[in-house]
Amino acid sequence: MDVKPEKIQELHAGHWKSVIHQGELISLEYQGHQFMHPAEEPGWNHSDTEMFPIIGPTAETNYRVQVPKGNAVQDQHGLLRELHYEAVSISARKGVYRKEYKAGTLVKNSKYPDRSRIPQLIWPFSFRFTKTVELGANGLAVSFTIEGDQDMPYMLGYHPAFKIYGGENRVKGKDLDLGLTEILAAGDRALQVADCKELILTGKYPLKLETEGFSHFMLWSPDAGMLCIEPITYYPYSAGQSLLHEGFDHLGRDKVTYKLRLGLAR
């Protein structure tokens, strides 16, 4: 069924509840415990977004990114965030949202002029980006399906922000145990967790993040009350901005899907 994109959708399953607004996951609760960072609190004015078709800044290269064809003008983290989701279908436990882009279409850059020198963005490939949010008895699954021109270069990152409850929250993984102090010290570059598909955010209800398709994580925080744990296909500071294209994957088939599962660590 068609659903107006401005409508707030609530998903329920067992002790879990999630709230989505215009395709953005603004709330995830387990037995009333809130995992997501509220946009109105200090730190960042969102609770999640997607980074596509590039990850990372581009200002040093005059916002140009090298691609096999056409003109690619991209601001930090790409133009997908400037497009609006359409709600494709909604049920009690599942929401499907979609963004579409036609090659060569100019997109207004919301960062201009205060935080960017470039007023419009452009990408020389067409694509369809579908976000599916599904809640079950064991937690939340978020998947991203990319369809587009064959051989389209791209990077993908998911950028959820989690609420931090003081010193009880740490990020743990294989041979990894980080507190917020170390993550804050990394600044806007974010801290890379390389070759990693599973992390745990400790706390009252330890939250496990498991990925499929993604290669790494980035950890970023601008404020002690929030933390972004971001699955990514490429860490953008592996090379300089002029070499950002070295981090591209290429769409070699009709579509590809990436997944993140959020559930309680047992």
C-alpha atoms as a PDB file:
ATOM      1  CA  MET A   1       0.000   0.000   0.000  1.00  0.00           C
ATOM      2  CA  ASP A   2       1.074   3.587  -0.585  1.00  0.00           C
ATOM      3  CA  VAL A   3       1.839   5.566   2.562  1.00  0.00           C
ATOM      4  CA  LYS A   4       2.419   9.287   2.895  1.00  0.00           C
ATOM      5  CA  PRO A   5       6.145   9.773   3.635  1.00  0.00           C
ATOM      6  CA  GLU A   6       5.525  12.350   6.356  1.00  0.00           C
ATOM      7  CA  LYS A   7       3.563   9.862   8.456  1.00  0.00           C
ATOM      8  CA  ILE A   8       5.216   8.415  11.544  1.00  0.00           C
ATOM      9  CA  GLN A   9       5.210   4.621  11.536  1.00  0.00           C
ATOM     10  CA  GLU A  10       5.413   2.481  14.675  1.00  0.00           C
ATOM     11  CA  LEU A  11       6.587  -1.129  14.542  1.00  0.00           C
ATOM     12  CA  HIS A  12       5.963  -3.567  17.401  1.00  0.00           C
ATOM     13  CA  ALA A  13       7.250  -7.075  18.162  1.00  0.00           C
ATOM     14  CA  GLY A  14       7.348  -8.612  21.620  1.00  0.00           C
ATOM     15  CA  HIS A  15       9.266  -6.309  23.988  1.00  0.00           C
ATOM     16  CA  TRP A  16      10.569  -4.262  21.041  1.00  0.00           C
ATOM     17  CA  LYS A  17       9.218  -1.052  19.549  1.00  0.00           C
ATOM     18  CA  SER A  18      10.627   1.141  16.784  1.00  0.00           C
ATOM     19  CA  VAL A  19       9.487   4.424  15.271  1.00  0.00           C
ATOM     20  CA  ILE A  20      10.284   5.590  11.733  1.00  0.00           C
ATOM     21  CA  HIS A  21       9.702   9.065  10.340  1.00  0.00           C
ATOM     22  CA  GLN A  22      10.272   9.737   6.635  1.00  0.00           C
ATOM     23  CA  GLY A  23      12.454   6.636   6.454  1.00  0.00           C
ATOM     24  CA  GLU A  24      14.584   7.665   9.432  1.00  0.00           C
ATOM     25  CA  LEU A  25      14.783   5.331  12.420  1.00  0.00           C
ATOM     26  CA  ILE A  26      14.099   7.796  15.223  1.00  0.00           C
ATOM     27  CA  SER A  27      13.446   5.324  18.035  1.00  0.00           C
ATOM     28  CA  LEU A  28      14.336   1.764  19.002  1.00  0.00           C
ATOM     29  CA  GLU A  29      13.193   0.571  22.440  1.00  0.00           C
ATOM     30  CA  TYR A  30      13.437  -2.657  24.368  1.00  0.00           C
ATOM     31  CA  GLN A  31      11.201  -2.807  27.446  1.00  0.00           C
ATOM     32  CA  GLY A  32      11.095   0.993  27.391  1.00  0.00           C
ATOM     33  CA  HIS A  33      14.877   1.423  27.157  1.00  0.00           C
ATOM     34  CA  GLN A  34      15.756   3.819  24.337  1.00  0.00           C
ATOM     35  CA  PHE A  35      18.743   2.916  22.158  1.00  0.00           C
ATOM     36  CA  MET A  36      18.567   5.731  19.572  1.00  0.00           C
ATOM     37  CA  HIS A  37      19.924   9.239  20.077  1.00  0.00           C
ATOM     38  CA  PRO A  38      17.042  11.759  20.048  1.00  0.00           C
ATOM     39  CA  ALA A  39      17.637  14.383  17.361  1.00  0.00           C
ATOM     40  CA  GLU A  40      16.663  17.204  19.714  1.00  0.00           C
ATOM     41  CA  GLU A  41      19.466  16.362  22.161  1.00  0.00           C
ATOM     42  CA  PRO A  42      23.038  17.758  21.798  1.00  0.00           C
ATOM     43  CA  GLY A  43      25.433  16.218  19.309  1.00  0.00           C
ATOM     44  CA  TRP A  44      23.673  15.669  15.971  1.00  0.00           C
ATOM     45  CA  ASN A  45      20.246  16.615  14.662  1.00  0.00           C
ATOM     46  CA  HIS A  46      19.472  13.151  13.284  1.00  0.00           C
ATOM     47  CA  SER A  47      19.198   9.603  14.582  1.00  0.00           C
ATOM     48  CA  ASP A  48      20.248   7.885  11.369  1.00  0.00           C
ATOM     49  CA  THR A  49      21.135   8.494   7.735  1.00  0.00           C
ATOM     50  CA  GLU A  50      22.840   6.712   4.841  1.00  0.00           C
ATOM     51  CA  MET A  51      26.143   7.623   3.165  1.00  0.00           C
ATOM     52  CA  PHE A  52      25.939   6.981  -0.588  1.00  0.00           C
ATOM     53  CA  PRO A  53      27.373   6.946  -3.252  1.00  0.00           C
ATOM     54  CA  ILE A  54      30.491   8.181  -1.455  1.00  0.00           C
ATOM     55  CA  ILE A  55      31.678   8.262   2.147  1.00  0.00           C
ATOM     56  CA  GLY A  56      33.834  11.053   3.505  1.00  0.00           C
ATOM     57  CA  PRO A  57      34.652  14.690   2.685  1.00  0.00           C
ATOM     58  CA  THR A  58      35.385  16.123  -0.762  1.00  0.00           C
ATOM     59  CA  ALA A  59      36.157  19.806  -0.084  1.00  0.00           C
ATOM     60  CA  GLU A  60      39.887  19.427  -0.787  1.00  0.00           C
ATOM     61  CA  THR A  61      39.156  18.299  -4.356  1.00  0.00           C
ATOM     62  CA  ASN A  62      36.618  21.095  -4.976  1.00  0.00           C
ATOM     63  CA  TYR A  63      33.824  18.563  -4.382  1.00  0.00           C
ATOM     64  CA  ARG A  64      34.765  16.547  -7.481  1.00  0.00           C
ATOM     65  CA  VAL A  65      35.066  12.760  -7.317  1.00  0.00           C
ATOM     66  CA  GLN A  66      36.726  10.726 -10.044  1.00  0.00           C
ATOM     67  CA  VAL A  67      34.338   8.283 -11.763  1.00  0.00           C
ATOM     68  CA  PRO A  68      34.492   6.411 -15.103  1.00  0.00           C
ATOM     69  CA  LYS A  69      31.993   8.685 -16.846  1.00  0.00           C
ATOM     70  CA  GLY A  70      30.368  12.088 -16.594  1.00  0.00           C
ATOM     71  CA  ASN A  71      30.601  14.726 -13.908  1.00  0.00           C
ATOM     72  CA  ALA A  72      30.436  13.733 -10.226  1.00  0.00           C
ATOM     73  CA  VAL A  73      29.991  16.646  -7.826  1.00  0.00           C
ATOM     74  CA  GLN A  74      29.501  15.342  -4.279  1.00  0.00           C
ATOM     75  CA  ASP A  75      29.566  16.881  -0.830  1.00  0.00           C
ATOM     76  CA  GLN A  76      30.497  14.933   2.274  1.00  0.00           C
ATOM     77  CA  HIS A  77      28.908  11.463   2.407  1.00  0.00           C
ATOM     78  CA  GLY A  78      27.180  11.831  -0.977  1.00  0.00           C
ATOM     79  CA  LEU A  79      23.862  13.079  -2.318  1.00  0.00           C
ATOM     80  CA  LEU A  80      21.508  10.325  -1.129  1.00  0.00           C
ATOM     81  CA  ARG A  81      20.854  12.203   2.111  1.00  0.00           C
ATOM     82  CA  GLU A  82      19.483  15.107   0.056  1.00  0.00           C
ATOM     83  CA  LEU A  83      16.756  12.932  -1.478  1.00  0.00           C
ATOM     84  CA  HIS A  84      13.457  12.111   0.222  1.00  0.00           C
ATOM     85  CA  TYR A  85      12.201   8.631   0.985  1.00  0.00           C
ATOM     86  CA  GLU A  86       8.871   7.422  -0.334  1.00  0.00           C
ATOM     87  CA  ALA A  87       7.143   4.877   1.863  1.00  0.00           C
ATOM     88  CA  VAL A  88       6.467   1.847  -0.325  1.00  0.00           C
ATOM     89  CA  SER A  89       4.757  -0.430   2.193  1.00  0.00           C
ATOM     90  CA  ILE A  90       4.072  -0.516   5.925  1.00  0.00           C
ATOM     91  CA  SER A  91       2.880  -3.284   8.219  1.00  0.00           C
ATOM     92  CA  ALA A  92       2.904  -3.846  11.979  1.00  0.00           C
ATOM     93  CA  ARG A  93       6.488  -5.096  11.888  1.00  0.00           C
ATOM     94  CA  LYS A  94       7.967  -3.887   8.611  1.00  0.00           C
ATOM     95  CA  GLY A  95       8.503  -0.677   6.674  1.00  0.00           C
ATOM     96  CA  VAL A  96       9.916  -0.337   3.146  1.00  0.00           C
ATOM     97  CA  TYR A  97      11.184   3.037   1.909  1.00  0.00           C
ATOM     98  CA  ARG A  98      12.703   4.081  -1.390  1.00  0.00           C
ATOM     99  CA  LYS A  99      14.746   6.832  -3.016  1.00  0.00           C
ATOM    100  CA  GLU A 100      15.351   7.074  -6.763  1.00  0.00           C
ATOM    101  CA  TYR A 101      17.779   9.178  -8.745  1.00  0.00           C
ATOM    102  CA  LYS A 102      18.077   9.760 -12.502  1.00  0.00           C
ATOM    103  CA  ALA A 103      21.586  10.232 -13.885  1.00  0.00           C
ATOM    104  CA  GLY A 104      22.577  13.869 -14.322  1.00  0.00           C
ATOM    105  CA  THR A 105      19.807  15.349 -12.178  1.00  0.00           C
ATOM    106  CA  LEU A 106      20.901  18.401 -10.195  1.00  0.00           C
ATOM    107  CA  VAL A 107      20.202  18.128  -6.462  1.00  0.00           C
ATOM    108  CA  LYS A 108      20.163  21.094  -4.100  1.00  0.00           C
ATOM    109  CA  ASN A 109      22.904  20.922  -1.470  1.00  0.00           C
ATOM    110  CA  SER A 110      21.384  21.747   1.934  1.00  0.00           C
ATOM    111  CA  LYS A 111      24.838  22.574   3.319  1.00  0.00           C
ATOM    112  CA  TYR A 112      25.243  25.527   0.939  1.00  0.00           C
ATOM    113  CA  PRO A 113      26.201  28.283   1.659  1.00  0.00           C
ATOM    114  CA  ASP A 114      26.880  27.958   5.405  1.00  0.00           C
ATOM    115  CA  ARG A 115      28.861  24.702   5.371  1.00  0.00           C
ATOM    116  CA  SER A 116      29.759  24.197   1.732  1.00  0.00           C
ATOM    117  CA  ARG A 117      30.931  26.120  -1.324  1.00  0.00           C
ATOM    118  CA  ILE A 118      28.910  24.094  -3.810  1.00  0.00           C
ATOM    119  CA  PRO A 119      25.168  24.808  -4.301  1.00  0.00           C
ATOM    120  CA  GLN A 120      24.201  21.705  -6.310  1.00  0.00           C
ATOM    121  CA  LEU A 121      25.242  18.070  -6.521  1.00  0.00           C
ATOM    122  CA  ILE A 122      25.221  15.699  -9.485  1.00  0.00           C
ATOM    123  CA  TRP A 123      25.945  12.018 -10.189  1.00  0.00           C
ATOM    124  CA  PRO A 124      26.296  10.494 -13.695  1.00  0.00           C
ATOM    125  CA  PHE A 125      24.541   7.199 -12.849  1.00  0.00           C
ATOM    126  CA  SER A 126      20.912   6.297 -12.184  1.00  0.00           C
ATOM    127  CA  PHE A 127      20.020   4.269  -9.107  1.00  0.00           C
ATOM    128  CA  ARG A 128      17.213   3.061  -6.870  1.00  0.00           C
ATOM    129  CA  PHE A 129      17.924   2.777  -3.137  1.00  0.00           C
ATOM    130  CA  THR A 130      15.546   0.747  -0.954  1.00  0.00           C
ATOM    131  CA  LYS A 131      15.680   0.703   2.842  1.00  0.00           C
ATOM    132  CA  THR A 132      13.778  -2.022   4.690  1.00  0.00           C
ATOM    133  CA  VAL A 133      13.263  -1.902   8.453  1.00  0.00           C
ATOM    134  CA  GLU A 134      11.857  -5.062  10.027  1.00  0.00           C
ATOM    135  CA  LEU A 135      11.241  -5.678  13.715  1.00  0.00           C
ATOM    136  CA  GLY A 136      11.086  -9.163  15.209  1.00  0.00           C
ATOM    137  CA  ALA A 137      11.156 -10.877  18.573  1.00  0.00           C
ATOM    138  CA  ASN A 138      14.984 -10.813  18.531  1.00  0.00           C
ATOM    139  CA  GLY A 139      15.427  -7.174  17.479  1.00  0.00           C
ATOM    140  CA  LEU A 140      15.655  -5.010  14.383  1.00  0.00           C
ATOM    141  CA  ALA A 141      16.955  -5.778  10.898  1.00  0.00           C
ATOM    142  CA  VAL A 142      17.812  -2.908   8.540  1.00  0.00           C
ATOM    143  CA  SER A 143      18.660  -3.733   4.932  1.00  0.00           C
ATOM    144  CA  PHE A 144      19.691  -1.612   1.965  1.00  0.00           C
ATOM    145  CA  THR A 145      19.172  -2.752  -1.618  1.00  0.00           C
ATOM    146  CA  ILE A 146      20.962  -0.873  -4.397  1.00  0.00           C
ATOM    147  CA  GLU A 147      19.829  -1.121  -8.009  1.00  0.00           C
ATOM    148  CA  GLY A 148      21.287   0.982 -10.788  1.00  0.00           C
ATOM    149  CA  ASP A 149      23.403   1.330 -13.893  1.00  0.00           C
ATOM    150  CA  GLN A 150      25.730  -1.592 -14.406  1.00  0.00           C
ATOM    151  CA  ASP A 151      29.290  -0.884 -13.234  1.00  0.00           C
ATOM    152  CA  MET A 152      28.150   2.158 -11.232  1.00  0.00           C
ATOM    153  CA  PRO A 153      30.841   2.957  -8.643  1.00  0.00           C
ATOM    154  CA  TYR A 154      29.650   3.426  -5.089  1.00  0.00           C
ATOM    155  CA  MET A 155      30.411   3.297  -1.398  1.00  0.00           C
ATOM    156  CA  LEU A 156      27.785   2.638   1.239  1.00  0.00           C
ATOM    157  CA  GLY A 157      27.687   3.517   4.896  1.00  0.00           C
ATOM    158  CA  TYR A 158      24.896   3.395   7.447  1.00  0.00           C
ATOM    159  CA  HIS A 159      25.054   6.123  10.088  1.00  0.00           C
ATOM    160  CA  PRO A 160      22.882   5.316  13.148  1.00  0.00           C
ATOM    161  CA  ALA A 161      23.314   7.352  16.339  1.00  0.00           C
ATOM    162  CA  PHE A 162      22.907   5.673  19.718  1.00  0.00           C
ATOM    163  CA  LYS A 163      22.077   7.276  23.040  1.00  0.00           C
ATOM    164  CA  ILE A 164      24.889   7.088  25.597  1.00  0.00           C
ATOM    165  CA  TYR A 165      24.124   6.646  29.289  1.00  0.00           C
ATOM    166  CA  GLY A 166      27.402   7.708  30.874  1.00  0.00           C
ATOM    167  CA  GLY A 167      30.336   5.415  31.542  1.00  0.00           C
ATOM    168  CA  GLU A 168      28.310   2.198  31.310  1.00  0.00           C
ATOM    169  CA  ASN A 169      28.524   2.261  27.509  1.00  0.00           C
ATOM    170  CA  ARG A 170      31.600   0.818  25.772  1.00  0.00           C
ATOM    171  CA  VAL A 171      32.196  -0.640  22.338  1.00  0.00           C
ATOM    172  CA  LYS A 172      33.493  -4.195  22.374  1.00  0.00           C
ATOM    173  CA  GLY A 173      34.540  -6.621  19.688  1.00  0.00           C
ATOM    174  CA  LYS A 174      37.227  -9.180  18.994  1.00  0.00           C
ATOM    175  CA  ASP A 175      40.389  -7.740  20.595  1.00  0.00           C
ATOM    176  CA  LEU A 176      38.554  -4.409  21.041  1.00  0.00           C
ATOM    177  CA  ASP A 177      37.322  -2.532  24.100  1.00  0.00           C
ATOM    178  CA  LEU A 178      36.812   1.219  23.658  1.00  0.00           C
ATOM    179  CA  GLY A 179      35.297   3.907  25.832  1.00  0.00           C
ATOM    180  CA  LEU A 180      33.788   7.154  24.617  1.00  0.00           C
ATOM    181  CA  THR A 181      36.943   9.108  25.494  1.00  0.00           C
ATOM    182  CA  GLU A 182      38.982   7.357  22.792  1.00  0.00           C
ATOM    183  CA  ILE A 183      36.204   7.812  20.229  1.00  0.00           C
ATOM    184  CA  LEU A 184      35.752  11.510  20.978  1.00  0.00           C
ATOM    185  CA  ALA A 185      39.511  11.979  20.558  1.00  0.00           C
ATOM    186  CA  ALA A 186      39.314  10.791  16.938  1.00  0.00           C
ATOM    187  CA  GLY A 187      37.270  13.879  16.056  1.00  0.00           C
ATOM    188  CA  ASP A 188      35.477  14.255  12.732  1.00  0.00           C
ATOM    189  CA  ARG A 189      37.733  11.721  11.028  1.00  0.00           C
ATOM    190  CA  ALA A 190      35.962   9.001  13.065  1.00  0.00           C
ATOM    191  CA  LEU A 191      37.734   5.953  14.395  1.00  0.00           C
ATOM    192  CA  GLN A 192      38.042   2.968  12.087  1.00  0.00           C
ATOM    193  CA  VAL A 193      37.371  -0.596  13.218  1.00  0.00           C
ATOM    194  CA  ALA A 194      38.792  -2.495  10.255  1.00  0.00           C
ATOM    195  CA  ASP A 195      37.723  -5.889   8.924  1.00  0.00           C
ATOM    196  CA  CYS A 196      34.918  -6.179  11.433  1.00  0.00           C
ATOM    197  CA  LYS A 197      31.347  -7.400  11.045  1.00  0.00           C
ATOM    198  CA  GLU A 198      30.166  -7.538  14.664  1.00  0.00           C
ATOM    199  CA  LEU A 199      30.332  -5.142  17.621  1.00  0.00           C
ATOM    200  CA  ILE A 200      28.605  -4.827  20.987  1.00  0.00           C
ATOM    201  CA  LEU A 201      27.539  -1.586  22.660  1.00  0.00           C
ATOM    202  CA  THR A 202      27.553  -2.387  26.367  1.00  0.00           C
ATOM    203  CA  GLY A 203      25.063  -0.991  28.874  1.00  0.00           C
ATOM    204  CA  LYS A 204      21.865  -1.899  30.700  1.00  0.00           C
ATOM    205  CA  TYR A 205      20.837  -3.921  27.657  1.00  0.00           C
ATOM    206  CA  PRO A 206      23.989  -4.746  25.640  1.00  0.00           C
ATOM    207  CA  LEU A 207      23.231  -4.218  21.965  1.00  0.00           C
ATOM    208  CA  LYS A 208      24.868  -6.429  19.336  1.00  0.00           C
ATOM    209  CA  LEU A 209      25.404  -5.071  15.815  1.00  0.00           C
ATOM    210  CA  GLU A 210      25.928  -7.727  13.121  1.00  0.00           C
ATOM    211  CA  THR A 211      26.450  -6.896   9.452  1.00  0.00           C
ATOM    212  CA  GLU A 212      26.325  -8.575   6.053  1.00  0.00           C
ATOM    213  CA  GLY A 213      28.066  -7.065   3.033  1.00  0.00           C
ATOM    214  CA  PHE A 214      29.787  -4.262   4.937  1.00  0.00           C
ATOM    215  CA  SER A 215      33.537  -4.556   5.549  1.00  0.00           C
ATOM    216  CA  HIS A 216      34.321  -2.231   8.466  1.00  0.00           C
ATOM    217  CA  PHE A 217      32.860   0.084  11.093  1.00  0.00           C
ATOM    218  CA  MET A 218      33.481   3.762  11.862  1.00  0.00           C
ATOM    219  CA  LEU A 219      32.945   5.136  15.378  1.00  0.00           C
ATOM    220  CA  TRP A 220      32.105   8.828  15.686  1.00  0.00           C
ATOM    221  CA  SER A 221      30.864  11.069  18.460  1.00  0.00           C
ATOM    222  CA  PRO A 222      30.605  14.868  18.707  1.00  0.00           C
ATOM    223  CA  ASP A 223      29.103  14.768  22.218  1.00  0.00           C
ATOM    224  CA  ALA A 224      29.309  12.602  25.320  1.00  0.00           C
ATOM    225  CA  GLY A 225      25.585  11.813  25.060  1.00  0.00           C
ATOM    226  CA  MET A 226      25.682  10.016  21.731  1.00  0.00           C
ATOM    227  CA  LEU A 227      27.711   7.587  19.658  1.00  0.00           C
ATOM    228  CA  CYS A 228      27.497   6.612  15.995  1.00  0.00           C
ATOM    229  CA  ILE A 229      28.473   3.018  15.192  1.00  0.00           C
ATOM    230  CA  GLU A 230      28.575   2.996  11.397  1.00  0.00           C
ATOM    231  CA  PRO A 231      28.912  -0.051   9.126  1.00  0.00           C
ATOM    232  CA  ILE A 232      30.830   0.964   5.992  1.00  0.00           C
ATOM    233  CA  THR A 233      32.167  -0.558   2.789  1.00  0.00           C
ATOM    234  CA  TYR A 234      35.242   1.709   2.846  1.00  0.00           C
ATOM    235  CA  TYR A 235      37.004   3.912   5.390  1.00  0.00           C
ATOM    236  CA  PRO A 236      37.416   7.263   3.561  1.00  0.00           C
ATOM    237  CA  TYR A 237      40.636   8.271   5.304  1.00  0.00           C
ATOM    238  CA  SER A 238      42.493   5.227   4.022  1.00  0.00           C
ATOM    239  CA  ALA A 239      43.726   7.536   1.246  1.00  0.00           C
ATOM    240  CA  GLY A 240      43.584  11.268   0.523  1.00  0.00           C
ATOM    241  CA  GLN A 241      40.465  12.884  -0.874  1.00  0.00           C
ATOM    242  CA  SER A 242      41.994  12.907  -4.364  1.00  0.00           C
ATOM    243  CA  LEU A 243      42.156   9.100  -4.169  1.00  0.00           C
ATOM    244  CA  LEU A 244      38.673   8.587  -2.801  1.00  0.00           C
ATOM    245  CA  HIS A 245      37.722   6.686  -5.957  1.00  0.00           C
ATOM    246  CA  GLU A 246      40.070   3.864  -4.899  1.00  0.00           C
ATOM    247  CA  GLY A 247      37.463   2.851  -2.340  1.00  0.00           C
ATOM    248  CA  PHE A 248      34.641   2.235  -4.799  1.00  0.00           C
ATOM    249  CA  ASP A 249      32.795  -1.017  -5.217  1.00  0.00           C
ATOM    250  CA  HIS A 250      31.039  -1.452  -8.566  1.00  0.00           C
ATOM    251  CA  LEU A 251      27.497  -2.578  -9.219  1.00  0.00           C
ATOM    252  CA  GLY A 252      28.231  -5.575 -11.397  1.00  0.00           C
ATOM    253  CA  ARG A 253      24.738  -7.109 -11.301  1.00  0.00           C
ATOM    254  CA  ASP A 254      21.114  -6.038 -11.153  1.00  0.00           C
ATOM    255  CA  LYS A 255      21.118  -5.347  -7.415  1.00  0.00           C
ATOM    256  CA  VAL A 256      23.049  -5.861  -4.207  1.00  0.00           C
ATOM    257  CA  THR A 257      21.859  -5.909  -0.580  1.00  0.00           C
ATOM    258  CA  TYR A 258      23.605  -4.977   2.682  1.00  0.00           C
ATOM    259  CA  LYS A 259      22.233  -5.724   6.155  1.00  0.00           C
ATOM    260  CA  LEU A 260      22.571  -4.679   9.784  1.00  0.00           C
ATOM    261  CA  ARG A 261      20.915  -6.598  12.615  1.00  0.00           C
ATOM    262  CA  LEU A 262      20.424  -5.000  16.035  1.00  0.00           C
ATOM    263  CA  GLY A 263      19.600  -7.295  18.919  1.00  0.00           C
ATOM    264  CA  LEU A 264      20.455  -8.037  22.523  1.00  0.00           C
ATOM    265  CA  ALA A 265      23.866  -9.571  23.144  1.00  0.00           C
ATOM    266  CA  ARG A 266      23.431 -12.888  24.901  1.00  0.00           C
END
